Amino acid sequence: MKLHEQHQRLEVTVCDVSGSHFDDVNLSGSRFHDVNLSGCTYEDINLSGSTFSNANMTGWKVEDVNFAGLSMKSASLRGASFTKCNFDGATIDGIAVSDLLACWDKNRATEAAH
């Protein structure tokens, strides 16, 4: 099925639309519940103001993403890797990440000196 230049709301339930392509589509304000989005590719998207709850994001790869103002609670970051990331103003349990890294660097230098 092809939809082109349509302006209508869809209610899609108990359907398999796997392999679908969405290009230049406005899905703002949409609600996704019990939806399998595994293996999808997201490129040039706006997720500002979105909420993810009870989500499995295992194996996600995130590059060139603006997480300014991101709030995470009760999240598992086991095995997470951060490379070339800007942590200015970021906190972990109320402690500035820059302070944590500075402390770690200081302890590492002290241990190396002994």
N, C-alpha and C. Protein backbone atom coordinates (compact mmCIF):
# COMPACT_ATOMS: atom_id res chain seq x y z
N MET A 1 0.85 -1.17 0.00
CA MET A 1 0.00 0.00 0.00
C MET A 1 0.90 1.24 0.00
N LYS A 2 0.58 2.20 -0.81
CA LYS A 2 1.33 3.44 -0.86
C LYS A 2 0.44 4.59 -0.43
N LEU A 3 0.99 5.43 0.45
CA LEU A 3 0.33 6.67 0.84
C LEU A 3 1.27 7.79 0.46
N HIS A 4 0.78 8.79 -0.25
CA HIS A 4 1.62 9.91 -0.69
C HIS A 4 0.83 11.19 -0.51
N GLU A 5 1.47 12.16 0.14
CA GLU A 5 0.87 13.47 0.39
C GLU A 5 -0.52 13.36 1.01
N GLN A 6 -0.66 12.47 1.99
CA GLN A 6 -1.91 12.31 2.72
C GLN A 6 -1.82 13.05 4.05
N HIS A 7 -2.91 13.58 4.50
CA HIS A 7 -2.97 14.27 5.79
C HIS A 7 -4.13 13.68 6.57
N GLN A 8 -3.87 12.55 7.23
CA GLN A 8 -4.91 11.90 8.00
C GLN A 8 -4.28 11.11 9.13
N ARG A 9 -5.08 10.81 10.13
CA ARG A 9 -4.61 9.99 11.24
C ARG A 9 -4.90 8.53 10.93
N LEU A 10 -3.95 7.69 11.28
CA LEU A 10 -4.12 6.26 11.10
C LEU A 10 -4.24 5.59 12.46
N GLU A 11 -5.08 4.62 12.58
CA GLU A 11 -5.12 3.77 13.76
C GLU A 11 -4.76 2.38 13.27
N VAL A 12 -3.58 1.91 13.66
CA VAL A 12 -3.06 0.64 13.17
C VAL A 12 -2.96 -0.30 14.37
N THR A 13 -3.68 -1.43 14.33
CA THR A 13 -3.65 -2.38 15.43
C THR A 13 -3.50 -3.79 14.88
N VAL A 14 -2.75 -4.60 15.61
CA VAL A 14 -2.54 -6.02 15.30
C VAL A 14 -2.21 -6.18 13.81
N CYS A 15 -1.16 -5.49 13.37
CA CYS A 15 -0.76 -5.53 11.96
C CYS A 15 0.73 -5.83 11.84
N ASP A 16 1.12 -6.37 10.73
CA ASP A 16 2.53 -6.56 10.41
C ASP A 16 2.87 -5.64 9.24
N VAL A 17 3.55 -4.55 9.56
CA VAL A 17 4.00 -3.62 8.52
C VAL A 17 5.53 -3.60 8.48
N SER A 18 6.14 -4.74 8.89
CA SER A 18 7.60 -4.83 8.89
C SER A 18 8.13 -4.57 7.49
N GLY A 19 9.30 -3.96 7.42
CA GLY A 19 9.92 -3.66 6.14
C GLY A 19 9.38 -2.38 5.50
N SER A 20 8.49 -1.68 6.20
CA SER A 20 7.93 -0.44 5.65
C SER A 20 8.98 0.66 5.62
N HIS A 21 8.79 1.63 4.75
CA HIS A 21 9.69 2.77 4.62
C HIS A 21 8.90 4.04 4.89
N PHE A 22 9.47 4.91 5.71
CA PHE A 22 8.86 6.20 6.00
C PHE A 22 9.87 7.27 5.62
N ASP A 23 9.52 8.17 4.74
CA ASP A 23 10.42 9.23 4.29
C ASP A 23 9.66 10.55 4.28
N ASP A 24 10.18 11.55 4.96
CA ASP A 24 9.56 12.87 5.04
C ASP A 24 8.13 12.74 5.57
N VAL A 25 8.00 12.04 6.72
CA VAL A 25 6.70 11.76 7.33
C VAL A 25 6.64 12.42 8.70
N ASN A 26 5.51 13.02 9.02
CA ASN A 26 5.30 13.63 10.33
C ASN A 26 4.54 12.66 11.21
N LEU A 27 5.23 12.09 12.20
CA LEU A 27 4.60 11.19 13.16
C LEU A 27 4.52 11.83 14.54
N SER A 28 4.68 13.16 14.62
CA SER A 28 4.67 13.84 15.92
C SER A 28 3.35 13.59 16.63
N GLY A 29 3.44 13.41 17.94
CA GLY A 29 2.26 13.17 18.74
C GLY A 29 1.74 11.75 18.65
N SER A 30 2.42 10.89 17.91
CA SER A 30 1.98 9.50 17.78
C SER A 30 2.28 8.73 19.05
N ARG A 31 1.56 7.67 19.26
CA ARG A 31 1.77 6.79 20.42
C ARG A 31 2.08 5.40 19.90
N PHE A 32 3.16 4.82 20.41
CA PHE A 32 3.55 3.46 20.05
C PHE A 32 3.48 2.62 21.31
N HIS A 33 2.70 1.56 21.30
CA HIS A 33 2.58 0.68 22.46
C HIS A 33 2.68 -0.76 21.99
N ASP A 34 3.51 -1.54 22.67
CA ASP A 34 3.72 -2.94 22.32
C ASP A 34 4.09 -3.08 20.84
N VAL A 35 5.09 -2.30 20.44
CA VAL A 35 5.53 -2.25 19.04
C VAL A 35 6.95 -2.79 18.94
N ASN A 36 7.21 -3.65 17.97
CA ASN A 36 8.55 -4.18 17.73
C ASN A 36 9.24 -3.31 16.69
N LEU A 37 10.22 -2.53 17.13
CA LEU A 37 11.00 -1.68 16.23
C LEU A 37 12.44 -2.18 16.11
N SER A 38 12.67 -3.45 16.47
CA SER A 38 14.03 -3.99 16.42
C SER A 38 14.57 -3.98 15.00
N GLY A 39 15.85 -3.70 14.88
CA GLY A 39 16.51 -3.72 13.58
C GLY A 39 16.18 -2.54 12.69
N CYS A 40 15.49 -1.54 13.23
CA CYS A 40 15.14 -0.37 12.42
C CYS A 40 16.33 0.59 12.32
N THR A 41 16.31 1.40 11.31
CA THR A 41 17.31 2.45 11.13
C THR A 41 16.63 3.80 11.24
N TYR A 42 17.18 4.66 12.07
CA TYR A 42 16.63 6.00 12.27
C TYR A 42 17.70 6.98 11.81
N GLU A 43 17.38 7.83 10.88
CA GLU A 43 18.36 8.76 10.33
C GLU A 43 17.69 10.12 10.12
N ASP A 44 18.34 11.17 10.57
CA ASP A 44 17.83 12.53 10.44
C ASP A 44 16.43 12.64 11.03
N ILE A 45 16.32 12.29 12.33
CA ILE A 45 15.02 12.29 12.99
C ILE A 45 15.01 13.27 14.16
N ASN A 46 13.82 13.70 14.54
CA ASN A 46 13.63 14.59 15.68
C ASN A 46 12.84 13.82 16.73
N LEU A 47 13.49 13.46 17.83
CA LEU A 47 12.84 12.76 18.93
C LEU A 47 12.70 13.67 20.16
N SER A 48 12.85 14.99 19.97
CA SER A 48 12.78 15.90 21.10
C SER A 48 11.42 15.77 21.79
N GLY A 49 11.46 15.77 23.12
CA GLY A 49 10.24 15.67 23.90
C GLY A 49 9.66 14.26 23.97
N SER A 50 10.35 13.28 23.41
CA SER A 50 9.85 11.90 23.43
C SER A 50 10.12 11.24 24.77
N THR A 51 9.33 10.24 25.09
CA THR A 51 9.49 9.47 26.31
C THR A 51 9.59 8.00 25.97
N PHE A 52 10.60 7.33 26.52
CA PHE A 52 10.77 5.89 26.34
C PHE A 52 10.59 5.26 27.72
N SER A 53 9.68 4.31 27.84
CA SER A 53 9.42 3.65 29.11
C SER A 53 9.35 2.15 28.88
N ASN A 54 10.00 1.39 29.75
CA ASN A 54 10.02 -0.06 29.63
C ASN A 54 10.48 -0.48 28.23
N ALA A 55 11.61 0.08 27.81
CA ALA A 55 12.14 -0.16 26.45
C ALA A 55 13.40 -1.00 26.50
N ASN A 56 13.53 -1.91 25.55
CA ASN A 56 14.74 -2.71 25.40
C ASN A 56 15.58 -2.09 24.30
N MET A 57 16.67 -1.45 24.67
CA MET A 57 17.55 -0.78 23.71
C MET A 57 18.90 -1.48 23.64
N THR A 58 18.92 -2.77 23.96
CA THR A 58 20.14 -3.56 23.92
C THR A 58 20.77 -3.49 22.53
N GLY A 59 22.07 -3.22 22.49
CA GLY A 59 22.79 -3.21 21.22
C GLY A 59 22.64 -1.94 20.41
N TRP A 60 22.01 -0.92 20.98
CA TRP A 60 21.87 0.34 20.23
C TRP A 60 23.23 0.94 19.94
N LYS A 61 23.36 1.56 18.79
CA LYS A 61 24.53 2.36 18.43
C LYS A 61 24.03 3.78 18.18
N VAL A 62 24.63 4.73 18.86
CA VAL A 62 24.19 6.12 18.78
C VAL A 62 25.39 6.97 18.39
N GLU A 63 25.27 7.70 17.28
CA GLU A 63 26.36 8.57 16.82
C GLU A 63 25.81 9.93 16.46
N ASP A 64 26.58 10.97 16.76
CA ASP A 64 26.22 12.35 16.42
C ASP A 64 24.80 12.69 16.86
N VAL A 65 24.52 12.43 18.15
CA VAL A 65 23.18 12.66 18.69
C VAL A 65 23.26 13.71 19.80
N ASN A 66 22.29 14.62 19.83
CA ASN A 66 22.23 15.64 20.86
C ASN A 66 21.32 15.16 21.98
N PHE A 67 21.91 14.82 23.13
CA PHE A 67 21.16 14.36 24.29
C PHE A 67 21.02 15.47 25.33
N ALA A 68 21.19 16.74 24.95
CA ALA A 68 21.09 17.84 25.90
C ALA A 68 19.76 17.77 26.63
N GLY A 69 19.81 17.81 27.95
CA GLY A 69 18.60 17.77 28.76
C GLY A 69 18.06 16.36 29.00
N LEU A 70 18.78 15.35 28.54
CA LEU A 70 18.35 13.96 28.73
C LEU A 70 18.28 13.62 30.21
N SER A 71 17.26 12.89 30.59
CA SER A 71 17.12 12.41 31.96
C SER A 71 16.91 10.91 31.92
N MET A 72 17.76 10.17 32.64
CA MET A 72 17.62 8.72 32.72
C MET A 72 17.42 8.33 34.18
N LYS A 73 16.51 7.41 34.39
CA LYS A 73 16.23 6.94 35.74
C LYS A 73 16.04 5.43 35.68
N SER A 74 16.62 4.73 36.62
CA SER A 74 16.50 3.28 36.71
C SER A 74 16.90 2.61 35.39
N ALA A 75 17.99 3.08 34.79
CA ALA A 75 18.46 2.54 33.51
C ALA A 75 19.68 1.66 33.73
N SER A 76 19.80 0.61 32.96
CA SER A 76 20.98 -0.23 32.99
C SER A 76 21.93 0.24 31.89
N LEU A 77 23.12 0.62 32.29
CA LEU A 77 24.16 1.02 31.33
C LEU A 77 25.27 -0.01 31.31
N ARG A 78 24.97 -1.23 31.72
CA ARG A 78 25.96 -2.31 31.76
C ARG A 78 26.56 -2.49 30.37
N GLY A 79 27.88 -2.42 30.30
CA GLY A 79 28.58 -2.62 29.03
C GLY A 79 28.53 -1.43 28.11
N ALA A 80 27.97 -0.32 28.56
CA ALA A 80 27.89 0.88 27.71
C ALA A 80 29.29 1.46 27.50
N SER A 81 29.50 2.04 26.35
CA SER A 81 30.79 2.63 26.01
C SER A 81 30.55 4.05 25.50
N PHE A 82 31.30 5.00 26.05
CA PHE A 82 31.19 6.39 25.64
C PHE A 82 32.54 6.84 25.09
N THR A 83 32.57 7.29 23.85
CA THR A 83 33.80 7.72 23.20
C THR A 83 33.60 9.09 22.58
N LYS A 84 34.55 10.01 22.85
CA LYS A 84 34.50 11.36 22.29
C LYS A 84 33.17 12.05 22.58
N CYS A 85 32.70 11.93 23.84
CA CYS A 85 31.43 12.52 24.24
C CYS A 85 31.67 13.77 25.08
N ASN A 86 30.78 14.74 24.96
CA ASN A 86 30.84 15.97 25.73
C ASN A 86 29.96 15.80 26.97
N PHE A 87 30.58 15.75 28.16
CA PHE A 87 29.85 15.55 29.41
C PHE A 87 29.69 16.85 30.20
N ASP A 88 29.90 18.01 29.57
CA ASP A 88 29.76 19.29 30.26
C ASP A 88 28.36 19.40 30.86
N GLY A 89 28.30 19.59 32.19
CA GLY A 89 27.02 19.75 32.87
C GLY A 89 26.32 18.44 33.20
N ALA A 90 26.87 17.30 32.74
CA ALA A 90 26.25 16.00 33.02
C ALA A 90 26.55 15.58 34.45
N THR A 91 25.59 14.91 35.08
CA THR A 91 25.78 14.42 36.44
C THR A 91 25.37 12.95 36.54
N ILE A 92 25.98 12.27 37.49
CA ILE A 92 25.59 10.90 37.85
C ILE A 92 25.28 10.93 39.33
N ASP A 93 24.05 10.62 39.67
CA ASP A 93 23.59 10.69 41.06
C ASP A 93 23.97 12.03 41.70
N GLY A 94 23.83 13.11 40.95
CA GLY A 94 24.09 14.46 41.46
C GLY A 94 25.54 14.89 41.45
N ILE A 95 26.45 14.02 41.04
CA ILE A 95 27.88 14.35 41.00
C ILE A 95 28.27 14.66 39.56
N ALA A 96 28.92 15.78 39.35
CA ALA A 96 29.33 16.18 38.01
C ALA A 96 30.28 15.14 37.41
N VAL A 97 30.01 14.71 36.20
CA VAL A 97 30.86 13.72 35.53
C VAL A 97 32.27 14.27 35.38
N SER A 98 32.41 15.57 35.12
CA SER A 98 33.75 16.16 35.00
C SER A 98 34.52 16.01 36.31
N ASP A 99 33.86 16.15 37.46
CA ASP A 99 34.51 15.95 38.76
C ASP A 99 34.90 14.49 38.96
N LEU A 100 34.03 13.57 38.57
CA LEU A 100 34.34 12.14 38.68
C LEU A 100 35.56 11.77 37.84
N LEU A 101 35.62 12.29 36.62
CA LEU A 101 36.74 11.99 35.74
C LEU A 101 38.03 12.62 36.26
N ALA A 102 37.94 13.84 36.79
CA ALA A 102 39.13 14.51 37.35
C ALA A 102 39.66 13.72 38.54
N CYS A 103 38.76 13.22 39.38
CA CYS A 103 39.17 12.41 40.53
C CYS A 103 39.83 11.12 40.07
N TRP A 104 39.25 10.50 39.08
CA TRP A 104 39.81 9.25 38.55
C TRP A 104 41.20 9.50 37.98
N ASP A 105 41.36 10.59 37.20
CA ASP A 105 42.68 10.93 36.64
C ASP A 105 43.71 11.18 37.75
N LYS A 106 43.29 11.88 38.81
CA LYS A 106 44.19 12.18 39.93
C LYS A 106 44.62 10.89 40.63
N ASN A 107 43.66 9.99 40.89
CA ASN A 107 43.99 8.72 41.55
C ASN A 107 44.90 7.86 40.66
N ARG A 108 44.65 7.87 39.39
CA ARG A 108 45.47 7.10 38.46
C ARG A 108 46.90 7.61 38.43
N ALA A 109 47.06 8.95 38.44
CA ALA A 109 48.40 9.56 38.44
C ALA A 109 49.13 9.24 39.76
N THR A 110 48.40 9.27 40.87
CA THR A 110 48.99 8.97 42.18
C THR A 110 49.47 7.52 42.23
N GLU A 111 48.63 6.60 41.73
CA GLU A 111 49.01 5.19 41.72
C GLU A 111 50.21 4.93 40.80
N ALA A 112 50.28 5.65 39.70
CA ALA A 112 51.41 5.48 38.77
C ALA A 112 52.70 5.98 39.38
N ALA A 113 52.61 6.97 40.25
CA ALA A 113 53.80 7.55 40.88
C ALA A 113 54.38 6.61 41.95
N HIS A 114 53.57 5.72 42.45
CA HIS A 114 54.06 4.81 43.52
C HIS A 114 54.61 3.59 42.94
